[in-house]
Amino acid sequence: MALVIMFAYYGESVLAVLFFAIPPQFYALSVVQALEYLRLPRSMAALISVVVLLGLLYGITVASYNQAIIFADNVPKYSQKIRSILQPFQQDARNWRRRAKPSANPSPRM
């Protein structure tokens, strides 16, 4: 048991690389096989599949970045809307706190 835990702790970087490397490998293998079926050499098919994968990653990155920039530009507007919506609830909470506080001179119990 200790050996498994030690391997998981020290092998974390290796396992992380494998975790992120295996799914693209399956994608690339299927694309390479499809391109080989079209009579392309294996090296050319592998190059095309890697270029397509990198293009997809680049496109996703650019789209995500653009959406993040748009969101960052709109944060002040959204925060103002959220504050205006939450203001009545905050006021109610303040009122409840004031009512729940015990008075400064509690009456003696009998």
N, C-alpha and C. Protein backbone atom coordinates (compact mmCIF):
# COMPACT_ATOMS: atom_id res chain seq x y z
N MET A 1 0.83 -1.19 0.00
CA MET A 1 0.00 0.00 0.00
C MET A 1 0.87 1.25 0.00
N ALA A 2 1.90 1.24 0.82
CA ALA A 2 2.80 2.39 0.90
C ALA A 2 3.52 2.60 -0.43
N LEU A 3 3.85 1.51 -1.09
CA LEU A 3 4.53 1.61 -2.39
C LEU A 3 3.64 2.27 -3.42
N VAL A 4 2.36 1.95 -3.42
CA VAL A 4 1.41 2.56 -4.35
C VAL A 4 1.26 4.06 -4.06
N ILE A 5 1.15 4.42 -2.79
CA ILE A 5 1.03 5.82 -2.42
C ILE A 5 2.30 6.58 -2.79
N MET A 6 3.45 5.99 -2.55
CA MET A 6 4.72 6.62 -2.90
C MET A 6 4.83 6.82 -4.41
N PHE A 7 4.41 5.82 -5.17
CA PHE A 7 4.44 5.95 -6.64
C PHE A 7 3.50 7.06 -7.10
N ALA A 8 2.33 7.13 -6.51
CA ALA A 8 1.38 8.17 -6.88
C ALA A 8 1.91 9.55 -6.53
N TYR A 9 2.58 9.67 -5.38
CA TYR A 9 3.10 10.97 -4.95
C TYR A 9 4.27 11.42 -5.83
N TYR A 10 5.26 10.55 -6.00
CA TYR A 10 6.45 10.93 -6.76
C TYR A 10 6.23 10.82 -8.26
N GLY A 11 5.29 10.02 -8.68
CA GLY A 11 5.05 9.86 -10.11
C GLY A 11 3.96 10.78 -10.63
N GLU A 12 3.57 11.76 -9.82
CA GLU A 12 2.47 12.65 -10.22
C GLU A 12 2.77 13.38 -11.53
N SER A 13 3.98 13.87 -11.70
CA SER A 13 4.30 14.60 -12.92
C SER A 13 4.25 13.67 -14.14
N VAL A 14 4.74 12.45 -13.97
CA VAL A 14 4.70 11.49 -15.08
C VAL A 14 3.27 11.11 -15.40
N LEU A 15 2.46 10.87 -14.36
CA LEU A 15 1.07 10.50 -14.58
C LEU A 15 0.27 11.63 -15.22
N ALA A 16 0.56 12.87 -14.84
CA ALA A 16 -0.13 14.01 -15.43
C ALA A 16 0.19 14.12 -16.92
N VAL A 17 1.45 13.92 -17.27
CA VAL A 17 1.84 13.96 -18.68
C VAL A 17 1.14 12.86 -19.46
N LEU A 18 1.10 11.67 -18.90
CA LEU A 18 0.42 10.56 -19.58
C LEU A 18 -1.08 10.83 -19.72
N PHE A 19 -1.66 11.41 -18.67
CA PHE A 19 -3.10 11.71 -18.69
C PHE A 19 -3.45 12.68 -19.82
N PHE A 20 -2.58 13.66 -20.04
CA PHE A 20 -2.86 14.64 -21.09
C PHE A 20 -2.29 14.24 -22.45
N ALA A 21 -1.45 13.23 -22.51
CA ALA A 21 -0.85 12.81 -23.78
C ALA A 21 -1.63 11.69 -24.46
N ILE A 22 -2.30 10.86 -23.71
CA ILE A 22 -2.96 9.70 -24.30
C ILE A 22 -4.18 10.06 -25.14
N PRO A 23 -5.10 10.92 -24.69
CA PRO A 23 -6.26 11.24 -25.55
C PRO A 23 -5.89 11.85 -26.91
N PRO A 24 -4.95 12.81 -26.99
CA PRO A 24 -4.57 13.29 -28.32
C PRO A 24 -3.93 12.20 -29.19
N GLN A 25 -3.28 11.24 -28.55
CA GLN A 25 -2.69 10.14 -29.30
C GLN A 25 -3.77 9.32 -30.00
N PHE A 26 -4.87 9.05 -29.30
CA PHE A 26 -5.96 8.31 -29.93
C PHE A 26 -6.56 9.09 -31.09
N TYR A 27 -6.71 10.42 -30.89
CA TYR A 27 -7.20 11.26 -31.98
C TYR A 27 -6.27 11.18 -33.18
N ALA A 28 -4.98 11.37 -32.91
CA ALA A 28 -4.00 11.38 -33.99
C ALA A 28 -3.95 10.03 -34.70
N LEU A 29 -4.03 8.96 -33.96
CA LEU A 29 -3.98 7.63 -34.57
C LEU A 29 -5.14 7.42 -35.54
N SER A 30 -6.33 7.82 -35.14
CA SER A 30 -7.48 7.62 -36.03
C SER A 30 -7.37 8.51 -37.27
N VAL A 31 -6.89 9.73 -37.10
CA VAL A 31 -6.71 10.62 -38.27
C VAL A 31 -5.62 10.08 -39.18
N VAL A 32 -4.52 9.62 -38.59
CA VAL A 32 -3.43 9.07 -39.40
C VAL A 32 -3.92 7.85 -40.18
N GLN A 33 -4.67 6.97 -39.54
CA GLN A 33 -5.18 5.79 -40.25
C GLN A 33 -6.11 6.19 -41.39
N ALA A 34 -6.94 7.21 -41.15
CA ALA A 34 -7.84 7.66 -42.22
C ALA A 34 -7.04 8.25 -43.39
N LEU A 35 -6.01 9.00 -43.08
CA LEU A 35 -5.19 9.59 -44.15
C LEU A 35 -4.34 8.52 -44.86
N GLU A 36 -3.92 7.50 -44.14
CA GLU A 36 -3.20 6.40 -44.78
C GLU A 36 -4.12 5.65 -45.73
N TYR A 37 -5.38 5.55 -45.38
CA TYR A 37 -6.36 4.92 -46.26
C TYR A 37 -6.47 5.68 -47.58
N LEU A 38 -6.23 7.00 -47.53
CA LEU A 38 -6.25 7.83 -48.74
C LEU A 38 -4.90 7.81 -49.45
N ARG A 39 -4.03 6.87 -49.09
CA ARG A 39 -2.74 6.63 -49.73
C ARG A 39 -1.70 7.71 -49.46
N LEU A 40 -1.79 8.37 -48.30
CA LEU A 40 -0.74 9.30 -47.90
C LEU A 40 0.31 8.54 -47.10
N PRO A 41 1.58 8.90 -47.21
CA PRO A 41 2.59 8.25 -46.37
C PRO A 41 2.32 8.52 -44.88
N ARG A 42 2.73 7.57 -44.04
CA ARG A 42 2.44 7.69 -42.61
C ARG A 42 3.04 8.96 -42.01
N SER A 43 4.23 9.33 -42.41
CA SER A 43 4.86 10.53 -41.85
C SER A 43 4.07 11.79 -42.23
N MET A 44 3.61 11.86 -43.48
CA MET A 44 2.82 13.02 -43.92
C MET A 44 1.47 13.04 -43.20
N ALA A 45 0.87 11.89 -43.01
CA ALA A 45 -0.41 11.80 -42.30
C ALA A 45 -0.24 12.23 -40.85
N ALA A 46 0.85 11.83 -40.22
CA ALA A 46 1.11 12.23 -38.83
C ALA A 46 1.33 13.73 -38.75
N LEU A 47 2.06 14.28 -39.69
CA LEU A 47 2.29 15.73 -39.70
C LEU A 47 0.98 16.49 -39.87
N ILE A 48 0.14 16.04 -40.77
CA ILE A 48 -1.16 16.70 -40.99
C ILE A 48 -2.02 16.61 -39.73
N SER A 49 -2.04 15.46 -39.09
CA SER A 49 -2.87 15.32 -37.89
C SER A 49 -2.38 16.22 -36.76
N VAL A 50 -1.07 16.35 -36.60
CA VAL A 50 -0.51 17.22 -35.56
C VAL A 50 -0.83 18.68 -35.88
N VAL A 51 -0.70 19.08 -37.14
CA VAL A 51 -0.99 20.46 -37.53
C VAL A 51 -2.47 20.77 -37.31
N VAL A 52 -3.34 19.83 -37.64
CA VAL A 52 -4.78 20.04 -37.42
C VAL A 52 -5.08 20.16 -35.92
N LEU A 53 -4.47 19.30 -35.11
CA LEU A 53 -4.67 19.36 -33.66
C LEU A 53 -4.18 20.69 -33.09
N LEU A 54 -3.00 21.13 -33.53
CA LEU A 54 -2.49 22.42 -33.06
C LEU A 54 -3.38 23.57 -33.52
N GLY A 55 -3.91 23.47 -34.73
CA GLY A 55 -4.83 24.49 -35.22
C GLY A 55 -6.10 24.55 -34.39
N LEU A 56 -6.63 23.39 -34.03
CA LEU A 56 -7.81 23.35 -33.16
C LEU A 56 -7.53 23.96 -31.79
N LEU A 57 -6.39 23.60 -31.21
CA LEU A 57 -6.02 24.16 -29.92
C LEU A 57 -5.85 25.68 -30.00
N TYR A 58 -5.24 26.15 -31.09
CA TYR A 58 -5.07 27.59 -31.28
C TYR A 58 -6.43 28.28 -31.41
N GLY A 59 -7.32 27.70 -32.18
CA GLY A 59 -8.65 28.29 -32.35
C GLY A 59 -9.43 28.34 -31.05
N ILE A 60 -9.37 27.27 -30.27
CA ILE A 60 -10.05 27.25 -28.97
C ILE A 60 -9.45 28.29 -28.04
N THR A 61 -8.12 28.40 -28.05
CA THR A 61 -7.44 29.38 -27.19
C THR A 61 -7.83 30.80 -27.56
N VAL A 62 -7.84 31.11 -28.85
CA VAL A 62 -8.20 32.46 -29.29
C VAL A 62 -9.65 32.78 -28.94
N ALA A 63 -10.54 31.84 -29.17
CA ALA A 63 -11.95 32.06 -28.86
C ALA A 63 -12.15 32.25 -27.35
N SER A 64 -11.48 31.44 -26.54
CA SER A 64 -11.59 31.57 -25.08
C SER A 64 -11.02 32.90 -24.61
N TYR A 65 -9.90 33.30 -25.17
CA TYR A 65 -9.29 34.57 -24.80
C TYR A 65 -10.21 35.73 -25.14
N ASN A 66 -10.80 35.70 -26.32
CA ASN A 66 -11.72 36.77 -26.71
C ASN A 66 -12.93 36.84 -25.78
N GLN A 67 -13.47 35.69 -25.41
CA GLN A 67 -14.59 35.68 -24.49
C GLN A 67 -14.19 36.19 -23.11
N ALA A 68 -12.98 35.87 -22.67
CA ALA A 68 -12.51 36.35 -21.38
C ALA A 68 -12.34 37.87 -21.39
N ILE A 69 -11.85 38.42 -22.50
CA ILE A 69 -11.69 39.87 -22.62
C ILE A 69 -13.06 40.55 -22.59
N ILE A 70 -14.01 40.00 -23.31
CA ILE A 70 -15.37 40.57 -23.32
C ILE A 70 -15.97 40.53 -21.92
N PHE A 71 -15.80 39.41 -21.23
CA PHE A 71 -16.32 39.28 -19.87
C PHE A 71 -15.64 40.29 -18.94
N ALA A 72 -14.32 40.43 -19.05
CA ALA A 72 -13.59 41.38 -18.19
C ALA A 72 -14.06 42.81 -18.44
N ASP A 73 -14.37 43.14 -19.68
CA ASP A 73 -14.87 44.48 -19.98
C ASP A 73 -16.26 44.71 -19.38
N ASN A 74 -17.06 43.67 -19.25
CA ASN A 74 -18.43 43.81 -18.75
C ASN A 74 -18.57 43.58 -17.25
N VAL A 75 -17.50 43.24 -16.56
CA VAL A 75 -17.59 42.96 -15.12
C VAL A 75 -18.14 44.14 -14.34
N PRO A 76 -17.70 45.38 -14.57
CA PRO A 76 -18.27 46.49 -13.78
C PRO A 76 -19.79 46.62 -13.96
N LYS A 77 -20.26 46.43 -15.18
CA LYS A 77 -21.70 46.53 -15.43
C LYS A 77 -22.44 45.41 -14.70
N TYR A 78 -21.90 44.20 -14.77
CA TYR A 78 -22.54 43.07 -14.10
C TYR A 78 -22.51 43.23 -12.59
N SER A 79 -21.39 43.71 -12.05
CA SER A 79 -21.29 43.85 -10.60
C SER A 79 -22.28 44.90 -10.11
N GLN A 80 -22.49 45.97 -10.86
CA GLN A 80 -23.47 46.98 -10.47
C GLN A 80 -24.88 46.39 -10.48
N LYS A 81 -25.21 45.60 -11.49
CA LYS A 81 -26.52 44.95 -11.54
C LYS A 81 -26.72 44.01 -10.36
N ILE A 82 -25.69 43.23 -10.05
CA ILE A 82 -25.79 42.27 -8.95
C ILE A 82 -25.97 43.01 -7.62
N ARG A 83 -25.21 44.10 -7.44
CA ARG A 83 -25.36 44.90 -6.20
C ARG A 83 -26.77 45.45 -6.07
N SER A 84 -27.32 45.95 -7.17
CA SER A 84 -28.68 46.52 -7.10
C SER A 84 -29.72 45.44 -6.81
N ILE A 85 -29.50 44.23 -7.30
CA ILE A 85 -30.43 43.14 -7.02
C ILE A 85 -30.30 42.69 -5.56
N LEU A 86 -29.08 42.65 -5.04
CA LEU A 86 -28.85 42.15 -3.68
C LEU A 86 -29.13 43.19 -2.60
N GLN A 87 -29.23 44.45 -2.96
CA GLN A 87 -29.41 45.50 -1.96
C GLN A 87 -30.63 45.28 -1.06
N PRO A 88 -31.81 44.95 -1.58
CA PRO A 88 -32.94 44.71 -0.68
C PRO A 88 -32.69 43.55 0.30
N PHE A 89 -32.03 42.52 -0.16
CA PHE A 89 -31.74 41.38 0.72
C PHE A 89 -30.75 41.78 1.81
N GLN A 90 -29.76 42.60 1.46
CA GLN A 90 -28.82 43.06 2.47
C GLN A 90 -29.51 43.93 3.51
N GLN A 91 -30.43 44.76 3.05
CA GLN A 91 -31.17 45.60 3.99
C GLN A 91 -32.02 44.75 4.93
N ASP A 92 -32.67 43.74 4.39
CA ASP A 92 -33.45 42.82 5.23
C ASP A 92 -32.55 42.12 6.26
N ALA A 93 -31.36 41.72 5.85
CA ALA A 93 -30.43 41.06 6.77
C ALA A 93 -30.01 42.01 7.88
N ARG A 94 -29.74 43.27 7.54
CA ARG A 94 -29.39 44.25 8.57
C ARG A 94 -30.54 44.43 9.56
N ASN A 95 -31.77 44.51 9.05
CA ASN A 95 -32.92 44.66 9.93
C ASN A 95 -33.07 43.46 10.86
N TRP A 96 -32.86 42.26 10.35
CA TRP A 96 -32.96 41.05 11.16
C TRP A 96 -31.89 41.06 12.26
N ARG A 97 -30.67 41.51 11.91
CA ARG A 97 -29.60 41.56 12.91
C ARG A 97 -29.94 42.54 14.02
N ARG A 98 -30.49 43.69 13.66
CA ARG A 98 -30.85 44.68 14.67
C ARG A 98 -31.92 44.13 15.61
N ARG A 99 -32.88 43.43 15.05
CA ARG A 99 -33.95 42.86 15.88
C ARG A 99 -33.45 41.72 16.75
N ALA A 100 -32.46 40.97 16.26
CA ALA A 100 -31.98 39.80 16.98
C ALA A 100 -31.02 40.15 18.10
N LYS A 101 -30.41 41.34 18.08
CA LYS A 101 -29.46 41.73 19.12
C LYS A 101 -30.20 41.88 20.44
N PRO A 102 -29.61 41.35 21.52
CA PRO A 102 -30.24 41.55 22.82
C PRO A 102 -30.09 43.00 23.27
N SER A 103 -31.02 43.47 24.05
CA SER A 103 -30.95 44.86 24.51
C SER A 103 -29.80 45.03 25.49
N ALA A 104 -29.36 46.28 25.69
CA ALA A 104 -28.20 46.56 26.55
C ALA A 104 -28.51 46.25 28.00
N ASN A 105 -29.74 46.49 28.47
CA ASN A 105 -30.12 46.21 29.85
C ASN A 105 -31.20 45.12 29.87
N PRO A 106 -30.77 43.87 29.87
CA PRO A 106 -31.79 42.81 29.88
C PRO A 106 -32.56 42.81 31.19
N SER A 107 -33.83 42.48 31.11
CA SER A 107 -34.65 42.44 32.31
C SER A 107 -34.27 41.22 33.13
N PRO A 108 -34.28 41.35 34.47
CA PRO A 108 -33.91 40.19 35.31
C PRO A 108 -34.98 39.12 35.24
N ARG A 109 -34.54 37.91 35.27
CA ARG A 109 -35.48 36.78 35.23
C ARG A 109 -35.89 36.40 36.64
N MET A 110 -37.07 35.93 36.73
CA MET A 110 -37.56 35.51 38.04
C MET A 110 -37.68 34.04 38.13
